[in-house]
Amino acid sequence: MAQLSYNLDQQVALLGMLADSRFKNTDSKTASEAIPAGRAVTIVPATDRVQVKLPDATDNAIYGIAHFTQFQEGEMIYPVNSSVNILTQGAVYVWCETAFNPDTDTLYVRTVAGGAGEEKGQFRNEATNAVAVTGNFSVDSSLSVAGLLKLVINKPE
């Protein structure tokens, strides 16, 4: 049977989805905990750089962003001990819990889960329960409310 109705308000992007066709680099590491797509990840110390986790208060260097692949339907979560696709260079959509202006705001990544919708590895414009995003990360969009933010990673090879 033919589809006769269509959703006119299609979702622009998904968490962890590649944002454009520029050059990208994807690494593969093992998840030490469940990691949702679109979240920042850091290297687990003393694992010879083979495991990643969501950031906590002791982390000061984001390794990359767990990015979306189409191996499962719905919200994508990499299970413990699974192989995680991590974008280390390129553009990706991430969740920002707050409004964000790249010209005036500092980008932070949440290190402690908070209330509803406040999860580790998500981004925000305030330092509470978060660490500043430093290094080769830039924001290529702005938000007036919480939503999908285009994050660009320019790590050297």
C-alpha atoms as a PDB file:
ATOM      1  CA  MET A   1       0.000   0.000   0.000  1.00  0.00           C
ATOM      2  CA  ALA A   2       1.303   3.474  -0.857  1.00  0.00           C
ATOM      3  CA  GLN A   3       2.173   5.925   1.884  1.00  0.00           C
ATOM      4  CA  LEU A   4      -0.356   8.744   1.672  1.00  0.00           C
ATOM      5  CA  SER A   5       0.640  10.909   4.613  1.00  0.00           C
ATOM      6  CA  TYR A   6       3.999  12.482   5.355  1.00  0.00           C
ATOM      7  CA  ASN A   7       5.437  14.324   8.316  1.00  0.00           C
ATOM      8  CA  LEU A   8       6.189  17.846   7.068  1.00  0.00           C
ATOM      9  CA  ASP A   9       8.268  18.680  10.155  1.00  0.00           C
ATOM     10  CA  GLN A  10      11.137  16.249   9.694  1.00  0.00           C
ATOM     11  CA  GLN A  11      13.854  16.203  12.319  1.00  0.00           C
ATOM     12  CA  VAL A  12      16.875  18.163  11.075  1.00  0.00           C
ATOM     13  CA  ALA A  13      19.425  15.853  12.669  1.00  0.00           C
ATOM     14  CA  LEU A  14      19.998  13.140  15.243  1.00  0.00           C
ATOM     15  CA  LEU A  15      22.320  13.183  18.234  1.00  0.00           C
ATOM     16  CA  GLY A  16      25.776  12.154  17.110  1.00  0.00           C
ATOM     17  CA  MET A  17      24.944  12.452  13.415  1.00  0.00           C
ATOM     18  CA  LEU A  18      27.667  13.758  11.113  1.00  0.00           C
ATOM     19  CA  ALA A  19      26.810  17.383  10.342  1.00  0.00           C
ATOM     20  CA  ASP A  20      28.291  17.688   6.865  1.00  0.00           C
ATOM     21  CA  SER A  21      30.568  16.021   4.325  1.00  0.00           C
ATOM     22  CA  ARG A  22      33.865  17.633   5.318  1.00  0.00           C
ATOM     23  CA  PHE A  23      36.902  15.459   6.035  1.00  0.00           C
ATOM     24  CA  LYS A  24      36.387  13.353   9.135  1.00  0.00           C
ATOM     25  CA  ASN A  25      38.296  10.880  11.248  1.00  0.00           C
ATOM     26  CA  THR A  26      36.614   8.144  13.236  1.00  0.00           C
ATOM     27  CA  ASP A  27      38.422   6.050  15.841  1.00  0.00           C
ATOM     28  CA  SER A  28      37.144   2.906  17.470  1.00  0.00           C
ATOM     29  CA  LYS A  29      37.520   2.250  21.200  1.00  0.00           C
ATOM     30  CA  THR A  30      35.796  -0.029  23.736  1.00  0.00           C
ATOM     31  CA  ALA A  31      33.004   1.368  25.920  1.00  0.00           C
ATOM     32  CA  SER A  32      33.705   1.010  29.658  1.00  0.00           C
ATOM     33  CA  GLU A  33      30.089   2.050  30.345  1.00  0.00           C
ATOM     34  CA  ALA A  34      26.942   2.575  28.252  1.00  0.00           C
ATOM     35  CA  ILE A  35      27.587   5.570  25.981  1.00  0.00           C
ATOM     36  CA  PRO A  36      24.774   7.312  24.078  1.00  0.00           C
ATOM     37  CA  ALA A  37      25.542   8.742  20.634  1.00  0.00           C
ATOM     38  CA  GLY A  38      26.248  12.461  20.602  1.00  0.00           C
ATOM     39  CA  ARG A  39      28.044  12.520  23.940  1.00  0.00           C
ATOM     40  CA  ALA A  40      31.606  13.559  24.685  1.00  0.00           C
ATOM     41  CA  VAL A  41      33.960  10.746  25.646  1.00  0.00           C
ATOM     42  CA  THR A  42      37.340  10.615  27.359  1.00  0.00           C
ATOM     43  CA  ILE A  43      40.039   7.964  27.514  1.00  0.00           C
ATOM     44  CA  VAL A  44      39.916   5.664  30.560  1.00  0.00           C
ATOM     45  CA  PRO A  45      43.271   5.970  32.356  1.00  0.00           C
ATOM     46  CA  ALA A  46      45.548   2.910  32.540  1.00  0.00           C
ATOM     47  CA  THR A  47      43.874   1.082  29.624  1.00  0.00           C
ATOM     48  CA  ASP A  48      46.548   1.742  26.969  1.00  0.00           C
ATOM     49  CA  ARG A  49      44.081   4.159  25.309  1.00  0.00           C
ATOM     50  CA  VAL A  50      41.690   1.374  24.294  1.00  0.00           C
ATOM     51  CA  GLN A  51      38.674   2.227  26.495  1.00  0.00           C
ATOM     52  CA  VAL A  52      36.489   5.331  26.636  1.00  0.00           C
ATOM     53  CA  LYS A  53      33.938   6.643  29.129  1.00  0.00           C
ATOM     54  CA  LEU A  54      31.678   9.615  29.687  1.00  0.00           C
ATOM     55  CA  PRO A  55      33.568  12.536  31.265  1.00  0.00           C
ATOM     56  CA  ASP A  56      33.704  13.086  35.007  1.00  0.00           C
ATOM     57  CA  ALA A  57      35.064  15.906  37.181  1.00  0.00           C
ATOM     58  CA  THR A  58      38.644  14.577  36.913  1.00  0.00           C
ATOM     59  CA  ASP A  59      38.680  14.753  33.110  1.00  0.00           C
ATOM     60  CA  ASN A  60      40.040  17.793  31.340  1.00  0.00           C
ATOM     61  CA  ALA A  61      40.498  16.487  27.808  1.00  0.00           C
ATOM     62  CA  ILE A  62      37.689  15.323  25.557  1.00  0.00           C
ATOM     63  CA  TYR A  63      38.868  12.587  23.194  1.00  0.00           C
ATOM     64  CA  GLY A  64      35.940  12.943  20.779  1.00  0.00           C
ATOM     65  CA  ILE A  65      32.203  12.452  20.304  1.00  0.00           C
ATOM     66  CA  ALA A  66      30.447   9.077  20.152  1.00  0.00           C
ATOM     67  CA  HIS A  67      28.804   9.335  16.765  1.00  0.00           C
ATOM     68  CA  PHE A  68      25.610   7.906  15.379  1.00  0.00           C
ATOM     69  CA  THR A  69      25.652   4.876  13.108  1.00  0.00           C
ATOM     70  CA  GLN A  70      22.615   3.067  11.811  1.00  0.00           C
ATOM     71  CA  PHE A  71      23.078  -0.303  13.479  1.00  0.00           C
ATOM     72  CA  GLN A  72      20.043   0.157  15.735  1.00  0.00           C
ATOM     73  CA  GLU A  73      16.709   1.966  15.686  1.00  0.00           C
ATOM     74  CA  GLY A  74      15.743   4.806  18.005  1.00  0.00           C
ATOM     75  CA  GLU A  75      18.121   6.420  20.473  1.00  0.00           C
ATOM     76  CA  MET A  76      21.524   4.914  19.882  1.00  0.00           C
ATOM     77  CA  ILE A  77      23.446   3.731  22.949  1.00  0.00           C
ATOM     78  CA  TYR A  78      26.708   1.823  22.733  1.00  0.00           C
ATOM     79  CA  PRO A  79      26.545  -1.002  25.333  1.00  0.00           C
ATOM     80  CA  VAL A  80      29.348  -1.755  27.813  1.00  0.00           C
ATOM     81  CA  ASN A  81      32.288  -3.532  26.124  1.00  0.00           C
ATOM     82  CA  SER A  82      31.032  -2.711  22.630  1.00  0.00           C
ATOM     83  CA  SER A  83      33.074  -0.928  19.996  1.00  0.00           C
ATOM     84  CA  VAL A  84      32.317   2.819  19.961  1.00  0.00           C
ATOM     85  CA  ASN A  85      32.675   4.944  16.830  1.00  0.00           C
ATOM     86  CA  ILE A  86      34.285   8.183  18.004  1.00  0.00           C
ATOM     87  CA  LEU A  87      34.517  11.240  15.812  1.00  0.00           C
ATOM     88  CA  THR A  88      37.912  12.867  16.435  1.00  0.00           C
ATOM     89  CA  GLN A  89      37.845  15.192  13.436  1.00  0.00           C
ATOM     90  CA  GLY A  90      34.860  16.601  11.562  1.00  0.00           C
ATOM     91  CA  ALA A  91      31.455  18.106  12.379  1.00  0.00           C
ATOM     92  CA  VAL A  92      28.807  16.407  14.512  1.00  0.00           C
ATOM     93  CA  TYR A  93      25.504  17.269  16.191  1.00  0.00           C
ATOM     94  CA  VAL A  94      25.509  17.248  20.006  1.00  0.00           C
ATOM     95  CA  TRP A  95      22.893  18.179  22.616  1.00  0.00           C
ATOM     96  CA  CYS A  96      23.320  21.543  24.314  1.00  0.00           C
ATOM     97  CA  GLU A  97      21.263  21.897  27.495  1.00  0.00           C
ATOM     98  CA  THR A  98      21.219  25.697  27.317  1.00  0.00           C
ATOM     99  CA  ALA A  99      21.052  28.531  24.837  1.00  0.00           C
ATOM    100  CA  PHE A 100      24.454  29.061  23.206  1.00  0.00           C
ATOM    101  CA  ASN A 101      26.112  31.942  21.351  1.00  0.00           C
ATOM    102  CA  PRO A 102      29.528  30.976  19.929  1.00  0.00           C
ATOM    103  CA  ASP A 103      30.615  34.636  19.924  1.00  0.00           C
ATOM    104  CA  THR A 104      30.068  35.225  23.664  1.00  0.00           C
ATOM    105  CA  ASP A 105      29.636  31.882  25.473  1.00  0.00           C
ATOM    106  CA  THR A 106      32.189  29.347  26.678  1.00  0.00           C
ATOM    107  CA  LEU A 107      31.345  25.728  25.886  1.00  0.00           C
ATOM    108  CA  TYR A 108      31.316  23.273  28.802  1.00  0.00           C
ATOM    109  CA  VAL A 109      30.707  19.528  28.953  1.00  0.00           C
ATOM    110  CA  ARG A 110      28.631  18.120  31.820  1.00  0.00           C
ATOM    111  CA  THR A 111      30.528  15.801  34.181  1.00  0.00           C
ATOM    112  CA  VAL A 112      27.760  15.067  36.708  1.00  0.00           C
ATOM    113  CA  ALA A 113      24.213  14.022  35.846  1.00  0.00           C
ATOM    114  CA  GLY A 114      21.683  16.518  37.168  1.00  0.00           C
ATOM    115  CA  GLY A 115      17.934  16.809  36.866  1.00  0.00           C
ATOM    116  CA  ALA A 116      15.753  15.842  33.942  1.00  0.00           C
ATOM    117  CA  GLY A 117      17.632  16.172  30.650  1.00  0.00           C
ATOM    118  CA  GLU A 118      20.974  16.880  32.320  1.00  0.00           C
ATOM    119  CA  GLU A 119      23.235  13.956  31.434  1.00  0.00           C
ATOM    120  CA  LYS A 120      26.997  13.386  31.551  1.00  0.00           C
ATOM    121  CA  GLY A 121      28.723  14.157  28.262  1.00  0.00           C
ATOM    122  CA  GLN A 122      26.171  16.749  27.111  1.00  0.00           C
ATOM    123  CA  PHE A 123      27.134  20.356  26.477  1.00  0.00           C
ATOM    124  CA  ARG A 124      26.091  23.661  28.074  1.00  0.00           C
ATOM    125  CA  ASN A 125      27.135  27.314  28.498  1.00  0.00           C
ATOM    126  CA  GLU A 126      27.751  27.250  32.258  1.00  0.00           C
ATOM    127  CA  ALA A 127      30.406  25.710  34.490  1.00  0.00           C
ATOM    128  CA  THR A 128      28.168  24.111  37.140  1.00  0.00           C
ATOM    129  CA  ASN A 129      28.967  20.365  37.249  1.00  0.00           C
ATOM    130  CA  ALA A 130      30.962  20.742  34.038  1.00  0.00           C
ATOM    131  CA  VAL A 131      34.447  21.386  32.653  1.00  0.00           C
ATOM    132  CA  ALA A 132      35.371  23.803  29.876  1.00  0.00           C
ATOM    133  CA  VAL A 133      35.838  22.352  26.415  1.00  0.00           C
ATOM    134  CA  THR A 134      39.374  23.214  25.387  1.00  0.00           C
ATOM    135  CA  GLY A 135      41.602  22.363  22.473  1.00  0.00           C
ATOM    136  CA  ASN A 136      40.550  21.938  18.894  1.00  0.00           C
ATOM    137  CA  PHE A 137      36.762  22.214  19.287  1.00  0.00           C
ATOM    138  CA  SER A 138      34.585  25.005  17.905  1.00  0.00           C
ATOM    139  CA  VAL A 139      30.860  25.630  17.572  1.00  0.00           C
ATOM    140  CA  ASP A 140      29.384  26.250  14.141  1.00  0.00           C
ATOM    141  CA  SER A 141      25.818  27.215  15.146  1.00  0.00           C
ATOM    142  CA  SER A 142      23.914  29.098  17.831  1.00  0.00           C
ATOM    143  CA  LEU A 143      20.872  28.295  19.952  1.00  0.00           C
ATOM    144  CA  SER A 144      18.277  30.484  21.656  1.00  0.00           C
ATOM    145  CA  VAL A 145      17.053  27.489  23.715  1.00  0.00           C
ATOM    146  CA  ALA A 146      18.339  23.962  24.388  1.00  0.00           C
ATOM    147  CA  GLY A 147      18.765  21.879  21.245  1.00  0.00           C
ATOM    148  CA  LEU A 148      21.111  20.322  18.692  1.00  0.00           C
ATOM    149  CA  LEU A 149      24.403  22.171  18.345  1.00  0.00           C
ATOM    150  CA  LYS A 150      26.884  21.722  15.491  1.00  0.00           C
ATOM    151  CA  LEU A 151      30.277  20.971  17.028  1.00  0.00           C
ATOM    152  CA  VAL A 152      33.423  20.995  14.866  1.00  0.00           C
ATOM    153  CA  ILE A 153      36.484  19.000  15.910  1.00  0.00           C
ATOM    154  CA  ASN A 154      39.818  19.958  14.304  1.00  0.00           C
ATOM    155  CA  LYS A 155      42.318  17.698  16.042  1.00  0.00           C
ATOM    156  CA  PRO A 156      45.624  17.266  14.220  1.00  0.00           C
ATOM    157  CA  GLU A 157      46.374  13.753  13.026  1.00  0.00           C
END
